[in-house]
């Protein structure tokens, strides 16, 4: 009986290793670059505009119980236009890790966000590059009399028996 259990255990472990080895590499960014190209603007608006920079904290990972237990999180980054009438423009969306190193820029041309529209960036749960102190910097342009854009992130994890979710809001730094 002991011999049979060893064979069963060996077979299960082998099957698990085989299935794990066949997994497709996870996609790191859930936003197709073609979407950014469709939003690109050829030139900057010139008449009576205000320019700003907004900082947004992101948590790709958080600690639990100690520094040795980490939960990976998915993050939805929302870039929101709170104006009913005016389009806003975002020059860049730069994603930095805990050490302050640039991980990626999401677009290299200015994009528009229509009145009352929300444009999102998703940081997949398998993307651990940002770490516990990741952040975004956004440079934006709006009409002087218009509302400033609103930047917010929702972080979530539901892999274990305990779900985790929370938000962070951007603050204007320039």
Protein backbone atom coordinates (compact mmCIF):
# COMPACT_ATOMS: atom_id res chain seq x y z
CA UNK A 1 0.00 0.00 0.00
CA UNK A 2 2.85 2.42 0.78
CA UNK A 3 4.37 1.73 -2.63
CA UNK A 4 1.08 2.59 -4.39
CA UNK A 5 0.77 5.88 -2.47
CA UNK A 6 4.30 6.86 -3.50
CA UNK A 7 3.42 6.24 -7.17
CA UNK A 8 0.21 8.25 -6.86
CA UNK A 9 2.02 11.10 -5.14
CA UNK A 10 4.81 11.07 -7.73
CA UNK A 11 2.23 11.09 -10.56
CA UNK A 12 0.35 14.04 -9.05
CA UNK A 13 3.55 16.06 -8.56
CA UNK A 14 4.68 15.27 -12.13
CA UNK A 15 1.31 16.30 -13.53
CA UNK A 16 1.43 19.55 -11.56
CA UNK A 17 4.91 20.36 -12.85
CA UNK A 18 3.86 19.53 -16.41
CA UNK A 19 0.79 21.80 -16.22
CA UNK A 20 2.77 24.61 -14.59
CA UNK A 21 5.41 24.43 -17.32
CA UNK A 22 2.75 24.83 -20.04
CA UNK A 23 1.32 28.07 -18.71
CA UNK A 24 1.32 31.00 -21.07
CA UNK A 25 3.41 33.99 -19.92
CA UNK A 26 1.01 36.53 -18.34
CA UNK A 27 0.41 39.83 -20.08
CA UNK A 28 1.78 42.71 -17.98
CA UNK A 29 -0.35 45.60 -19.24
CA UNK A 30 -4.04 45.26 -20.00
CA UNK A 31 -4.24 48.32 -22.21
CA UNK A 32 -3.71 47.86 -25.93
CA UNK A 33 -1.34 50.55 -27.33
CA UNK A 34 -3.71 51.04 -30.27
CA UNK A 35 -6.14 52.71 -27.84
CA UNK A 36 -3.54 55.39 -27.07
CA UNK A 37 -2.93 56.03 -30.77
CA UNK A 38 -6.66 56.63 -31.31
CA UNK A 39 -6.60 59.23 -28.51
CA UNK A 40 -3.45 61.04 -29.61
CA UNK A 41 -3.52 64.77 -30.31
CA UNK A 42 -1.18 66.28 -32.89
CA UNK A 43 -0.55 69.57 -31.08
CA UNK A 44 -1.05 71.22 -27.74
CA UNK A 45 -4.00 73.59 -27.26
CA UNK A 46 -2.72 77.17 -27.12
CA UNK A 47 -5.47 79.49 -25.85
CA UNK A 48 -5.87 80.20 -22.12
CA UNK A 49 -4.77 76.91 -20.61
CA UNK A 50 -3.46 75.77 -17.25
CA UNK A 51 -0.79 73.07 -17.05
CA UNK A 52 -0.31 70.79 -14.09
CA UNK A 53 1.34 67.66 -12.76
CA UNK A 54 -0.45 65.15 -10.57
CA UNK A 55 1.13 62.45 -8.38
CA UNK A 56 -0.84 59.23 -7.75
CA UNK A 57 0.33 56.50 -5.33
CA UNK A 58 -0.19 52.92 -6.48
CA UNK A 59 0.27 49.74 -4.47
CA UNK A 60 1.23 46.72 -6.61
CA UNK A 61 1.96 44.85 -3.40
CA UNK A 62 1.14 45.30 0.28
CA UNK A 63 2.53 43.65 3.38
CA UNK A 64 0.49 41.44 5.68
CA UNK A 65 1.51 40.23 9.13
CA UNK A 66 5.19 41.03 8.45
CA UNK A 67 7.56 42.22 5.76
CA UNK A 68 7.90 38.60 4.65
CA UNK A 69 4.28 38.10 3.63
CA UNK A 70 3.24 40.07 0.56
CA UNK A 71 -0.08 40.29 -1.28
CA UNK A 72 0.02 41.13 -4.98
CA UNK A 73 -2.68 43.56 -6.10
CA UNK A 74 -4.32 44.56 -9.35
CA UNK A 75 -4.71 48.31 -9.79
CA UNK A 76 -7.15 50.26 -11.94
CA UNK A 77 -5.88 53.77 -12.59
CA UNK A 78 -8.63 56.20 -13.62
CA UNK A 79 -7.95 59.43 -15.45
CA UNK A 80 -11.23 61.35 -15.21
CA UNK A 81 -12.42 64.49 -16.91
CA UNK A 82 -14.86 66.18 -14.51
CA UNK A 83 -15.89 68.91 -16.96
CA UNK A 84 -19.26 68.68 -18.72
CA UNK A 85 -18.07 70.83 -21.61
CA UNK A 86 -14.28 70.91 -22.03
CA UNK A 87 -11.80 68.31 -23.21
CA UNK A 88 -8.63 67.84 -21.16
CA UNK A 89 -5.26 66.65 -22.38
CA UNK A 90 -2.74 64.34 -20.73
CA UNK A 91 0.86 64.56 -21.94
CA UNK A 92 2.12 61.43 -20.22
CA UNK A 93 1.37 58.70 -17.72
CA UNK A 94 4.65 57.56 -16.18
CA UNK A 95 4.73 54.54 -13.86
CA UNK A 96 7.54 54.38 -11.25
CA UNK A 97 8.56 51.66 -8.82
CA UNK A 98 9.24 51.89 -5.08
CA UNK A 99 12.86 52.96 -5.71
CA UNK A 100 11.72 55.81 -7.97
CA UNK A 101 12.84 54.17 -11.21
CA UNK A 102 10.66 54.62 -14.29
CA UNK A 103 9.05 51.30 -15.20
CA UNK A 104 7.11 52.43 -18.26
CA UNK A 105 5.42 55.34 -19.96
CA UNK A 106 1.99 54.45 -21.28
CA UNK A 107 1.95 56.81 -24.25
CA UNK A 108 4.46 59.04 -25.98
CA UNK A 109 2.03 61.56 -27.52
CA UNK A 110 -0.49 63.77 -25.80
CA UNK A 111 -3.95 62.20 -25.51
CA UNK A 112 -7.39 63.73 -25.02
CA UNK A 113 -10.09 62.86 -22.52
CA UNK A 114 -13.54 64.03 -23.60
CA UNK A 115 -15.97 65.78 -21.23
CA UNK A 116 -17.13 63.46 -18.42
CA UNK A 117 -15.05 60.60 -19.86
CA UNK A 118 -12.83 58.21 -17.88
CA UNK A 119 -9.76 56.57 -19.39
CA UNK A 120 -8.16 53.69 -17.50
CA UNK A 121 -4.83 51.96 -17.12
CA UNK A 122 -4.79 48.51 -15.54
CA UNK A 123 -1.78 47.19 -13.65
CA UNK A 124 -2.24 43.44 -13.66
CA UNK A 125 -1.94 41.51 -10.42
CA UNK A 126 1.00 39.53 -11.84
CA UNK A 127 2.93 42.78 -12.47
CA UNK A 128 5.18 43.04 -9.41
CA UNK A 129 7.57 45.67 -10.81
CA UNK A 130 6.02 48.58 -8.93
CA UNK A 131 6.17 47.08 -5.46
CA UNK A 132 4.62 48.56 -2.33
CA UNK A 133 5.56 52.16 -3.14
CA UNK A 134 4.77 52.44 -6.85
CA UNK A 135 3.40 55.68 -8.25
CA UNK A 136 2.31 57.57 -11.34
CA UNK A 137 3.09 61.07 -12.53
CA UNK A 138 0.71 62.71 -14.99
CA UNK A 139 1.34 65.97 -16.84
CA UNK A 140 -1.89 67.49 -18.09
CA UNK A 141 -3.44 70.56 -19.75
CA UNK A 142 -6.93 72.02 -19.26
CA UNK A 143 -8.66 75.25 -20.16
CA UNK A 144 -8.15 77.93 -17.51
CA UNK A 145 -11.84 78.06 -16.55
CA UNK A 146 -12.29 74.27 -16.68
CA UNK A 147 -12.08 71.68 -13.91
CA UNK A 148 -8.76 69.95 -13.34
CA UNK A 149 -8.60 66.24 -14.20
CA UNK A 150 -9.17 63.78 -11.38
CA UNK A 151 -6.78 60.84 -10.95
CA UNK A 152 -7.69 57.88 -8.73
CA UNK A 153 -6.60 54.26 -8.28
CA UNK A 154 -8.46 51.22 -6.99
CA UNK A 155 -6.30 48.34 -5.78
CA UNK A 156 -7.79 44.89 -5.25
CA UNK A 157 -6.89 41.27 -4.56
CA UNK A 158 -9.34 38.39 -4.26
CA UNK A 159 -7.08 35.35 -4.61
CA UNK A 160 -7.22 34.14 -1.04
CA UNK A 161 -10.16 33.68 1.28
CA UNK A 162 -9.82 37.32 2.30
CA UNK A 163 -10.47 40.06 -0.23
CA UNK A 164 -8.52 43.31 -0.08
CA UNK A 165 -9.51 46.56 -1.76
CA UNK A 166 -8.81 50.26 -1.25
CA UNK A 167 -8.35 53.49 -3.19
CA UNK A 168 -5.84 56.30 -3.50
CA UNK A 169 -6.29 59.77 -4.96
CA UNK A 170 -3.91 61.91 -6.92
CA UNK A 171 -2.59 65.22 -5.61
CA UNK A 172 -1.46 68.11 -7.74
CA UNK A 173 2.25 68.75 -7.28
CA UNK A 174 2.75 71.50 -9.94
